[in-house]
Amino acid sequence: MDKIDTQGLSGPATKGCTDNVYPHDENGEPILPRAVIIPRRVHTPQMVKELKILINEVLDEREGKFNYTSYFDVDKYKHYVGEDEPPYRPTNDTYNPSYYQ
């Protein structure tokens, strides 16, 4: 072979192969499946959880309801390797654990 064929890189067609075969419309154009777009977020799910906790703590402090240990007071949540982190449980009446998930 003395030249490289850049237009025919896919190689020869294999008889009976059904890869990449899509139905065609009345004009002969292939009907391609719709693309799935997954949105990208700036914050990770863990960061979103911490931001929700932070916002609620700020609002509680502003309203005078902040009578619990802050999630960000890391000294209160110290634990040894192999142990679970102590749970975050504000003592106010509006605590909804599913909201922080």
PDB file of N, CA and C in Angstrom:
ATOM      1  N   MET A   1       0.857  -1.181   0.000  1.00  0.00           N
ATOM      2  CA  MET A   1       0.000   0.000   0.000  1.00  0.00           C
ATOM      3  C   MET A   1       0.896   1.235   0.000  1.00  0.00           C
ATOM      4  N   ASP A   2       0.735   2.094  -0.971  1.00  0.00           N
ATOM      5  CA  ASP A   2       1.600   3.255  -1.098  1.00  0.00           C
ATOM      6  C   ASP A   2       0.946   4.556  -0.693  1.00  0.00           C
ATOM      7  N   LYS A   3      -0.302   4.502  -0.222  1.00  0.00           N
ATOM      8  CA  LYS A   3      -0.952   5.731   0.255  1.00  0.00           C
ATOM      9  C   LYS A   3      -1.891   5.380   1.406  1.00  0.00           C
ATOM     10  N   ILE A   4      -2.238   6.384   2.199  1.00  0.00           N
ATOM     11  CA  ILE A   4      -3.165   6.209   3.315  1.00  0.00           C
ATOM     12  C   ILE A   4      -4.506   6.786   2.893  1.00  0.00           C
ATOM     13  N   ASP A   5      -5.538   5.965   2.984  1.00  0.00           N
ATOM     14  CA  ASP A   5      -6.885   6.401   2.620  1.00  0.00           C
ATOM     15  C   ASP A   5      -7.556   6.987   3.860  1.00  0.00           C
ATOM     16  N   THR A   6      -7.568   8.327   3.976  1.00  0.00           N
ATOM     17  CA  THR A   6      -8.151   8.962   5.165  1.00  0.00           C
ATOM     18  C   THR A   6      -9.665   9.052   5.103  1.00  0.00           C
ATOM     19  N   GLN A   7     -10.250   8.818   3.965  1.00  0.00           N
ATOM     20  CA  GLN A   7     -11.709   8.900   3.845  1.00  0.00           C
ATOM     21  C   GLN A   7     -12.387   7.567   4.139  1.00  0.00           C
ATOM     22  N   GLY A   8     -11.676   6.483   4.066  1.00  0.00           N
ATOM     23  CA  GLY A   8     -12.286   5.173   4.269  1.00  0.00           C
ATOM     24  C   GLY A   8     -11.726   4.462   5.487  1.00  0.00           C
ATOM     25  N   LEU A   9     -11.611   5.156   6.591  1.00  0.00           N
ATOM     26  CA  LEU A   9     -10.992   4.578   7.788  1.00  0.00           C
ATOM     27  C   LEU A   9     -11.842   3.519   8.470  1.00  0.00           C
ATOM     28  N   SER A  10     -13.114   3.430   8.139  1.00  0.00           N
ATOM     29  CA  SER A  10     -13.968   2.489   8.856  1.00  0.00           C
ATOM     30  C   SER A  10     -13.734   1.040   8.434  1.00  0.00           C
ATOM     31  N   GLY A  11     -13.099   0.801   7.321  1.00  0.00           N
ATOM     32  CA  GLY A  11     -12.820  -0.556   6.890  1.00  0.00           C
ATOM     33  C   GLY A  11     -13.985  -1.138   6.115  1.00  0.00           C
ATOM     34  N   PRO A  12     -13.847  -2.358   5.681  1.00  0.00           N
ATOM     35  CA  PRO A  12     -14.902  -2.966   4.881  1.00  0.00           C
ATOM     36  C   PRO A  12     -16.121  -3.319   5.740  1.00  0.00           C
ATOM     37  N   ALA A  13     -17.287  -3.329   5.098  1.00  0.00           N
ATOM     38  CA  ALA A  13     -18.520  -3.693   5.790  1.00  0.00           C
ATOM     39  C   ALA A  13     -18.571  -5.201   5.973  1.00  0.00           C
ATOM     40  N   THR A  14     -19.069  -5.621   7.129  1.00  0.00           N
ATOM     41  CA  THR A  14     -19.209  -7.039   7.411  1.00  0.00           C
ATOM     42  C   THR A  14     -20.659  -7.437   7.193  1.00  0.00           C
ATOM     43  N   LYS A  15     -20.890  -8.436   6.383  1.00  0.00           N
ATOM     44  CA  LYS A  15     -22.247  -8.867   6.075  1.00  0.00           C
ATOM     45  C   LYS A  15     -22.895  -9.457   7.331  1.00  0.00           C
ATOM     46  N   GLY A  16     -24.129  -9.030   7.590  1.00  0.00           N
ATOM     47  CA  GLY A  16     -24.852  -9.535   8.759  1.00  0.00           C
ATOM     48  C   GLY A  16     -24.606  -8.742  10.031  1.00  0.00           C
ATOM     49  N   CYS A  17     -23.703  -7.796  10.009  1.00  0.00           N
ATOM     50  CA  CYS A  17     -23.404  -6.986  11.193  1.00  0.00           C
ATOM     51  C   CYS A  17     -24.516  -5.948  11.380  1.00  0.00           C
ATOM     52  N   THR A  18     -25.025  -5.852  12.592  1.00  0.00           N
ATOM     53  CA  THR A  18     -26.128  -4.913  12.844  1.00  0.00           C
ATOM     54  C   THR A  18     -25.716  -3.756  13.737  1.00  0.00           C
ATOM     55  N   ASP A  19     -24.422  -3.583  13.964  1.00  0.00           N
ATOM     56  CA  ASP A  19     -23.968  -2.426  14.751  1.00  0.00           C
ATOM     57  C   ASP A  19     -24.243  -1.150  13.968  1.00  0.00           C
ATOM     58  N   ASN A  20     -24.658  -0.129  14.651  1.00  0.00           N
ATOM     59  CA  ASN A  20     -24.885   1.185  14.057  1.00  0.00           C
ATOM     60  C   ASN A  20     -25.952   1.186  12.963  1.00  0.00           C
ATOM     61  N   VAL A  21     -26.924   0.319  13.068  1.00  0.00           N
ATOM     62  CA  VAL A  21     -27.999   0.291  12.084  1.00  0.00           C
ATOM     63  C   VAL A  21     -29.217   0.935  12.728  1.00  0.00           C
ATOM     64  N   TYR A  22     -29.662   2.042  12.159  1.00  0.00           N
ATOM     65  CA  TYR A  22     -30.807   2.771  12.679  1.00  0.00           C
ATOM     66  C   TYR A  22     -31.907   2.777  11.627  1.00  0.00           C
ATOM     67  N   PRO A  23     -33.151   2.889  12.044  1.00  0.00           N
ATOM     68  CA  PRO A  23     -34.224   2.996  11.046  1.00  0.00           C
ATOM     69  C   PRO A  23     -34.080   4.289  10.258  1.00  0.00           C
ATOM     70  N   HIS A  24     -34.635   4.313   9.073  1.00  0.00           N
ATOM     71  CA  HIS A  24     -34.536   5.485   8.211  1.00  0.00           C
ATOM     72  C   HIS A  24     -35.917   6.101   8.003  1.00  0.00           C
ATOM     73  N   ASP A  25     -35.938   7.408   7.825  1.00  0.00           N
ATOM     74  CA  ASP A  25     -37.208   8.088   7.550  1.00  0.00           C
ATOM     75  C   ASP A  25     -37.533   7.991   6.059  1.00  0.00           C
ATOM     76  N   GLU A  26     -38.580   8.663   5.639  1.00  0.00           N
ATOM     77  CA  GLU A  26     -39.023   8.564   4.239  1.00  0.00           C
ATOM     78  C   GLU A  26     -38.024   9.165   3.251  1.00  0.00           C
ATOM     79  N   ASN A  27     -37.126  10.030   3.725  1.00  0.00           N
ATOM     80  CA  ASN A  27     -36.103  10.630   2.850  1.00  0.00           C
ATOM     81  C   ASN A  27     -34.816   9.815   2.830  1.00  0.00           C
ATOM     82  N   GLY A  28     -34.772   8.724   3.554  1.00  0.00           N
ATOM     83  CA  GLY A  28     -33.571   7.895   3.598  1.00  0.00           C
ATOM     84  C   GLY A  28     -32.576   8.294   4.661  1.00  0.00           C
ATOM     85  N   GLU A  29     -32.888   9.337   5.460  1.00  0.00           N
ATOM     86  CA  GLU A  29     -31.993   9.780   6.533  1.00  0.00           C
ATOM     87  C   GLU A  29     -32.165   8.869   7.751  1.00  0.00           C
ATOM     88  N   PRO A  30     -31.068   8.512   8.412  1.00  0.00           N
ATOM     89  CA  PRO A  30     -31.210   7.656   9.599  1.00  0.00           C
ATOM     90  C   PRO A  30     -31.901   8.405  10.744  1.00  0.00           C
ATOM     91  N   ILE A  31     -32.737   7.691  11.481  1.00  0.00           N
ATOM     92  CA  ILE A  31     -33.396   8.252  12.660  1.00  0.00           C
ATOM     93  C   ILE A  31     -32.522   7.873  13.850  1.00  0.00           C
ATOM     94  N   LEU A  32     -31.773   8.840  14.337  1.00  0.00           N
ATOM     95  CA  LEU A  32     -30.819   8.596  15.419  1.00  0.00           C
ATOM     96  C   LEU A  32     -31.500   8.693  16.776  1.00  0.00           C
ATOM     97  N   PRO A  33     -31.021   7.936  17.763  1.00  0.00           N
ATOM     98  CA  PRO A  33     -31.600   8.056  19.101  1.00  0.00           C
ATOM     99  C   PRO A  33     -31.293   9.428  19.694  1.00  0.00           C
ATOM    100  N   ARG A  34     -32.174   9.887  20.571  1.00  0.00           N
ATOM    101  CA  ARG A  34     -31.973  11.199  21.199  1.00  0.00           C
ATOM    102  C   ARG A  34     -30.839  11.119  22.207  1.00  0.00           C
ATOM    103  N   ALA A  35     -30.052  12.159  22.234  1.00  0.00           N
ATOM    104  CA  ALA A  35     -28.934  12.223  23.173  1.00  0.00           C
ATOM    105  C   ALA A  35     -29.445  12.526  24.574  1.00  0.00           C
ATOM    106  N   VAL A  36     -28.812  11.915  25.563  1.00  0.00           N
ATOM    107  CA  VAL A  36     -29.132  12.182  26.960  1.00  0.00           C
ATOM    108  C   VAL A  36     -28.097  13.164  27.485  1.00  0.00           C
ATOM    109  N   ILE A  37     -28.560  14.309  27.973  1.00  0.00           N
ATOM    110  CA  ILE A  37     -27.659  15.336  28.485  1.00  0.00           C
ATOM    111  C   ILE A  37     -27.729  15.306  30.006  1.00  0.00           C
ATOM    112  N   ILE A  38     -26.609  15.042  30.624  1.00  0.00           N
ATOM    113  CA  ILE A  38     -26.520  15.030  32.080  1.00  0.00           C
ATOM    114  C   ILE A  38     -25.900  16.356  32.500  1.00  0.00           C
ATOM    115  N   PRO A  39     -26.652  17.180  33.248  1.00  0.00           N
ATOM    116  CA  PRO A  39     -26.098  18.485  33.630  1.00  0.00           C
ATOM    117  C   PRO A  39     -24.920  18.332  34.596  1.00  0.00           C
ATOM    118  N   ARG A  40     -23.966  19.202  34.451  1.00  0.00           N
ATOM    119  CA  ARG A  40     -22.824  19.219  35.364  1.00  0.00           C
ATOM    120  C   ARG A  40     -23.060  20.284  36.423  1.00  0.00           C
ATOM    121  N   ARG A  41     -22.737  19.955  37.619  1.00  0.00           N
ATOM    122  CA  ARG A  41     -22.894  20.887  38.736  1.00  0.00           C
ATOM    123  C   ARG A  41     -21.522  21.322  39.242  1.00  0.00           C
ATOM    124  N   VAL A  42     -21.464  22.543  39.736  1.00  0.00           N
ATOM    125  CA  VAL A  42     -20.213  23.074  40.260  1.00  0.00           C
ATOM    126  C   VAL A  42     -19.877  22.400  41.590  1.00  0.00           C
ATOM    127  N   HIS A  43     -20.907  22.132  42.392  1.00  0.00           N
ATOM    128  CA  HIS A  43     -20.689  21.580  43.729  1.00  0.00           C
ATOM    129  C   HIS A  43     -20.989  20.085  43.760  1.00  0.00           C
ATOM    130  N   THR A  44     -20.225  19.379  44.562  1.00  0.00           N
ATOM    131  CA  THR A  44     -20.463  17.948  44.762  1.00  0.00           C
ATOM    132  C   THR A  44     -21.676  17.779  45.673  1.00  0.00           C
ATOM    133  N   PRO A  45     -22.303  16.596  45.681  1.00  0.00           N
ATOM    134  CA  PRO A  45     -23.438  16.379  46.582  1.00  0.00           C
ATOM    135  C   PRO A  45     -23.086  16.635  48.051  1.00  0.00           C
ATOM    136  N   GLN A  46     -21.869  16.285  48.478  1.00  0.00           N
ATOM    137  CA  GLN A  46     -21.463  16.532  49.861  1.00  0.00           C
ATOM    138  C   GLN A  46     -21.366  18.035  50.132  1.00  0.00           C
ATOM    139  N   MET A  47     -20.865  18.801  49.173  1.00  0.00           N
ATOM    140  CA  MET A  47     -20.762  20.239  49.353  1.00  0.00           C
ATOM    141  C   MET A  47     -22.152  20.880  49.410  1.00  0.00           C
ATOM    142  N   VAL A  48     -23.084  20.379  48.605  1.00  0.00           N
ATOM    143  CA  VAL A  48     -24.456  20.889  48.636  1.00  0.00           C
ATOM    144  C   VAL A  48     -25.077  20.642  50.001  1.00  0.00           C
ATOM    145  N   LYS A  49     -24.854  19.447  50.554  1.00  0.00           N
ATOM    146  CA  LYS A  49     -25.380  19.123  51.885  1.00  0.00           C
ATOM    147  C   LYS A  49     -24.821  20.093  52.931  1.00  0.00           C
ATOM    148  N   GLU A  50     -23.511  20.340  52.874  1.00  0.00           N
ATOM    149  CA  GLU A  50     -22.897  21.257  53.837  1.00  0.00           C
ATOM    150  C   GLU A  50     -23.384  22.691  53.638  1.00  0.00           C
ATOM    151  N   LEU A  51     -23.605  23.104  52.404  1.00  0.00           N
ATOM    152  CA  LEU A  51     -24.119  24.452  52.171  1.00  0.00           C
ATOM    153  C   LEU A  51     -25.528  24.613  52.736  1.00  0.00           C
ATOM    154  N   LYS A  52     -26.374  23.581  52.577  1.00  0.00           N
ATOM    155  CA  LYS A  52     -27.720  23.636  53.152  1.00  0.00           C
ATOM    156  C   LYS A  52     -27.658  23.741  54.672  1.00  0.00           C
ATOM    157  N   ILE A  53     -26.771  22.968  55.286  1.00  0.00           N
ATOM    158  CA  ILE A  53     -26.622  23.033  56.738  1.00  0.00           C
ATOM    159  C   ILE A  53     -26.144  24.423  57.147  1.00  0.00           C
ATOM    160  N   LEU A  54     -25.171  24.966  56.435  1.00  0.00           N
ATOM    161  CA  LEU A  54     -24.638  26.291  56.752  1.00  0.00           C
ATOM    162  C   LEU A  54     -25.723  27.361  56.648  1.00  0.00           C
ATOM    163  N   ILE A  55     -26.491  27.329  55.573  1.00  0.00           N
ATOM    164  CA  ILE A  55     -27.548  28.333  55.383  1.00  0.00           C
ATOM    165  C   ILE A  55     -28.579  28.241  56.495  1.00  0.00           C
ATOM    166  N   ASN A  56     -28.980  27.009  56.850  1.00  0.00           N
ATOM    167  CA  ASN A  56     -29.965  26.855  57.919  1.00  0.00           C
ATOM    168  C   ASN A  56     -29.410  27.285  59.274  1.00  0.00           C
ATOM    169  N   GLU A  57     -28.132  27.027  59.526  1.00  0.00           N
ATOM    170  CA  GLU A  57     -27.536  27.488  60.784  1.00  0.00           C
ATOM    171  C   GLU A  57     -27.487  29.021  60.833  1.00  0.00           C
ATOM    172  N   VAL A  58     -27.168  29.651  59.732  1.00  0.00           N
ATOM    173  CA  VAL A  58     -27.127  31.121  59.684  1.00  0.00           C
ATOM    174  C   VAL A  58     -28.528  31.683  59.927  1.00  0.00           C
ATOM    175  N   LEU A  59     -29.536  31.094  59.305  1.00  0.00           N
ATOM    176  CA  LEU A  59     -30.911  31.566  59.517  1.00  0.00           C
ATOM    177  C   LEU A  59     -31.367  31.339  60.960  1.00  0.00           C
ATOM    178  N   ASP A  60     -31.010  30.189  61.532  1.00  0.00           N
ATOM    179  CA  ASP A  60     -31.367  29.929  62.937  1.00  0.00           C
ATOM    180  C   ASP A  60     -30.694  30.935  63.857  1.00  0.00           C
ATOM    181  N   GLU A  61     -29.424  31.232  63.577  1.00  0.00           N
ATOM    182  CA  GLU A  61     -28.705  32.205  64.415  1.00  0.00           C
ATOM    183  C   GLU A  61     -29.340  33.585  64.297  1.00  0.00           C
ATOM    184  N   ARG A  62     -29.742  33.957  63.117  1.00  0.00           N
ATOM    185  CA  ARG A  62     -30.362  35.260  62.900  1.00  0.00           C
ATOM    186  C   ARG A  62     -31.706  35.371  63.609  1.00  0.00           C
ATOM    187  N   GLU A  63     -32.447  34.252  63.652  1.00  0.00           N
ATOM    188  CA  GLU A  63     -33.755  34.258  64.302  1.00  0.00           C
ATOM    189  C   GLU A  63     -33.679  33.945  65.793  1.00  0.00           C
ATOM    190  N   GLY A  64     -32.473  33.735  66.321  1.00  0.00           N
ATOM    191  CA  GLY A  64     -32.313  33.456  67.745  1.00  0.00           C
ATOM    192  C   GLY A  64     -32.629  32.021  68.118  1.00  0.00           C
ATOM    193  N   LYS A  65     -32.669  31.098  67.165  1.00  0.00           N
ATOM    194  CA  LYS A  65     -32.973  29.694  67.434  1.00  0.00           C
ATOM    195  C   LYS A  65     -31.719  28.823  67.473  1.00  0.00           C
ATOM    196  N   PHE A  66     -30.555  29.419  67.416  1.00  0.00           N
ATOM    197  CA  PHE A  66     -29.325  28.638  67.347  1.00  0.00           C
ATOM    198  C   PHE A  66     -28.924  28.217  68.750  1.00  0.00           C
ATOM    199  N   ASN A  67     -29.436  27.070  69.179  1.00  0.00           N
ATOM    200  CA  ASN A  67     -29.144  26.558  70.521  1.00  0.00           C
ATOM    201  C   ASN A  67     -28.581  25.143  70.436  1.00  0.00           C
ATOM    202  N   TYR A  68     -27.790  24.873  69.393  1.00  0.00           N
ATOM    203  CA  TYR A  68     -27.215  23.543  69.203  1.00  0.00           C
ATOM    204  C   TYR A  68     -25.776  23.686  68.721  1.00  0.00           C
ATOM    205  N   THR A  69     -25.065  22.567  68.681  1.00  0.00           N
ATOM    206  CA  THR A  69     -23.676  22.570  68.244  1.00  0.00           C
ATOM    207  C   THR A  69     -23.619  22.700  66.735  1.00  0.00           C
ATOM    208  N   SER A  70     -22.823  23.621  66.265  1.00  0.00           N
ATOM    209  CA  SER A  70     -22.698  23.843  64.831  1.00  0.00           C
ATOM    210  C   SER A  70     -22.054  22.645  64.152  1.00  0.00           C
ATOM    211  N   TYR A  71     -22.525  22.344  62.978  1.00  0.00           N
ATOM    212  CA  TYR A  71     -21.942  21.279  62.160  1.00  0.00           C
ATOM    213  C   TYR A  71     -20.480  21.586  61.839  1.00  0.00           C
ATOM    214  N   PHE A  72     -20.121  22.856  61.789  1.00  0.00           N
ATOM    215  CA  PHE A  72     -18.783  23.273  61.409  1.00  0.00           C
ATOM    216  C   PHE A  72     -17.845  23.425  62.607  1.00  0.00           C
ATOM    217  N   ASP A  73     -18.335  23.138  63.821  1.00  0.00           N
ATOM    218  CA  ASP A  73     -17.482  23.103  65.001  1.00  0.00           C
ATOM    219  C   ASP A  73     -16.851  21.709  65.045  1.00  0.00           C
ATOM    220  N   VAL A  74     -15.781  21.544  64.293  1.00  0.00           N
ATOM    221  CA  VAL A  74     -15.220  20.208  64.074  1.00  0.00           C
ATOM    222  C   VAL A  74     -14.683  19.557  65.345  1.00  0.00           C
ATOM    223  N   ASP A  75     -14.344  20.346  66.368  1.00  0.00           N
ATOM    224  CA  ASP A  75     -13.861  19.751  67.617  1.00  0.00           C
ATOM    225  C   ASP A  75     -14.943  18.910  68.284  1.00  0.00           C
ATOM    226  N   LYS A  76     -16.196  19.277  68.100  1.00  0.00           N
ATOM    227  CA  LYS A  76     -17.302  18.522  68.712  1.00  0.00           C
ATOM    228  C   LYS A  76     -17.569  17.199  67.980  1.00  0.00           C
ATOM    229  N   TYR A  77     -17.038  17.063  66.781  1.00  0.00           N
ATOM    230  CA  TYR A  77     -17.297  15.873  65.968  1.00  0.00           C
ATOM    231  C   TYR A  77     -16.054  15.007  65.771  1.00  0.00           C
ATOM    232  N   LYS A  78     -15.075  15.147  66.658  1.00  0.00           N
ATOM    233  CA  LYS A  78     -13.874  14.312  66.576  1.00  0.00           C
ATOM    234  C   LYS A  78     -14.261  12.852  66.828  1.00  0.00           C
ATOM    235  N   HIS A  79     -13.580  11.953  66.139  1.00  0.00           N
ATOM    236  CA  HIS A  79     -13.804  10.523  66.352  1.00  0.00           C
ATOM    237  C   HIS A  79     -12.561   9.768  65.904  1.00  0.00           C
ATOM    238  N   TYR A  80     -12.445   8.530  66.342  1.00  0.00           N
ATOM    239  CA  TYR A  80     -11.283   7.718  66.018  1.00  0.00           C
ATOM    240  C   TYR A  80     -11.477   7.012  64.676  1.00  0.00           C
ATOM    241  N   VAL A  81     -10.370   6.609  64.090  1.00  0.00           N
ATOM    242  CA  VAL A  81     -10.405   5.862  62.839  1.00  0.00           C
ATOM    243  C   VAL A  81     -11.182   4.562  63.075  1.00  0.00           C
ATOM    244  N   GLY A  82     -12.061   4.239  62.150  1.00  0.00           N
ATOM    245  CA  GLY A  82     -12.868   3.032  62.270  1.00  0.00           C
ATOM    246  C   GLY A  82     -14.213   3.276  62.920  1.00  0.00           C
ATOM    247  N   GLU A  83     -14.394   4.442  63.545  1.00  0.00           N
ATOM    248  CA  GLU A  83     -15.681   4.800  64.141  1.00  0.00           C
ATOM    249  C   GLU A  83     -16.433   5.717  63.184  1.00  0.00           C
ATOM    250  N   ASP A  84     -17.748   5.702  63.277  1.00  0.00           N
ATOM    251  CA  ASP A  84     -18.550   6.629  62.481  1.00  0.00           C
ATOM    252  C   ASP A  84     -18.490   8.019  63.089  1.00  0.00           C
ATOM    253  N   GLU A  85     -18.607   9.014  62.236  1.00  0.00           N
ATOM    254  CA  GLU A  85     -18.661  10.397  62.721  1.00  0.00           C
ATOM    255  C   GLU A  85     -19.946  10.581  63.518  1.00  0.00           C
ATOM    256  N   PRO A  86     -19.893  11.298  64.657  1.00  0.00           N
ATOM    257  CA  PRO A  86     -21.120  11.531  65.422  1.00  0.00           C
ATOM    258  C   PRO A  86     -22.167  12.218  64.546  1.00  0.00           C
ATOM    259  N   PRO A  87     -23.422  11.844  64.675  1.00  0.00           N
ATOM    260  CA  PRO A  87     -24.461  12.413  63.800  1.00  0.00           C
ATOM    261  C   PRO A  87     -24.701  13.894  64.097  1.00  0.00           C
ATOM    262  N   TYR A  88     -25.063  14.599  63.062  1.00  0.00           N
ATOM    263  CA  TYR A  88     -25.419  16.008  63.195  1.00  0.00           C
ATOM    264  C   TYR A  88     -26.895  16.080  63.499  1.00  0.00           C
ATOM    265  N   ARG A  89     -27.233  16.572  64.669  1.00  0.00           N
ATOM    266  CA  ARG A  89     -28.629  16.684  65.073  1.00  0.00           C
ATOM    267  C   ARG A  89     -28.855  18.001  65.810  1.00  0.00           C
ATOM    268  N   PRO A  90     -29.308  19.030  65.081  1.00  0.00           N
ATOM    269  CA  PRO A  90     -29.653  20.252  65.794  1.00  0.00           C
ATOM    270  C   PRO A  90     -30.843  19.983  66.719  1.00  0.00           C
ATOM    271  N   THR A  91     -30.904  20.694  67.809  1.00  0.00           N
ATOM    272  CA  THR A  91     -31.966  20.439  68.790  1.00  0.00           C
ATOM    273  C   THR A  91     -33.197  21.295  68.569  1.00  0.00           C
ATOM    274  N   ASN A  92     -33.215  22.094  67.514  1.00  0.00           N
ATOM    275  CA  ASN A  92     -34.407  22.912  67.297  1.00  0.00           C
ATOM    276  C   ASN A  92     -35.545  22.048  66.746  1.00  0.00           C
ATOM    277  N   ASP A  93     -36.752  22.562  66.771  1.00  0.00           N
ATOM    278  CA  ASP A  93     -37.935  21.794  66.393  1.00  0.00           C
ATOM    279  C   ASP A  93     -38.073  21.629  64.883  1.00  0.00           C
ATOM    280  N   THR A  94     -37.359  22.407  64.110  1.00  0.00           N
ATOM    281  CA  THR A  94     -37.546  22.374  62.663  1.00  0.00           C
ATOM    282  C   THR A  94     -36.559  21.466  61.965  1.00  0.00           C
ATOM    283  N   TYR A  95     -35.796  20.658  62.692  1.00  0.00           N
ATOM    284  CA  TYR A  95     -34.801  19.787  62.073  1.00  0.00           C
ATOM    285  C   TYR A  95     -35.489  18.711  61.243  1.00  0.00           C
ATOM    286  N   ASN A  96     -35.119  18.651  59.977  1.00  0.00           N
ATOM    287  CA  ASN A  96     -35.667  17.658  59.062  1.00  0.00           C
ATOM    288  C   ASN A  96     -34.499  16.970  58.380  1.00  0.00           C
ATOM    289  N   PRO A  97     -34.099  15.765  58.857  1.00  0.00           N
ATOM    290  CA  PRO A  97     -32.895  15.134  58.321  1.00  0.00           C
ATOM    291  C   PRO A  97     -32.939  14.877  56.816  1.00  0.00           C
ATOM    292  N   SER A  98     -34.122  14.613  56.263  1.00  0.00           N
ATOM    293  CA  SER A  98     -34.192  14.353  54.833  1.00  0.00           C
ATOM    294  C   SER A  98     -33.908  15.619  54.026  1.00  0.00           C
ATOM    295  N   TYR A  99     -34.098  16.796  54.603  1.00  0.00           N
ATOM    296  CA  TYR A  99     -33.821  18.047  53.903  1.00  0.00           C
ATOM    297  C   TYR A  99     -32.323  18.201  53.629  1.00  0.00           C
ATOM    298  N   TYR A 100     -31.495  17.686  54.525  1.00  0.00           N
ATOM    299  CA  TYR A 100     -30.048  17.858  54.406  1.00  0.00           C
ATOM    300  C   TYR A 100     -29.423  16.819  53.484  1.00  0.00           C
ATOM    301  N   GLN A 101     -30.169  15.861  53.005  1.00  0.00           N
ATOM    302  CA  GLN A 101     -29.607  14.793  52.163  1.00  0.00           C
ATOM    303  C   GLN A 101     -29.487  15.231  50.745  1.00  0.00           C
TER     304      GLN A 101
END
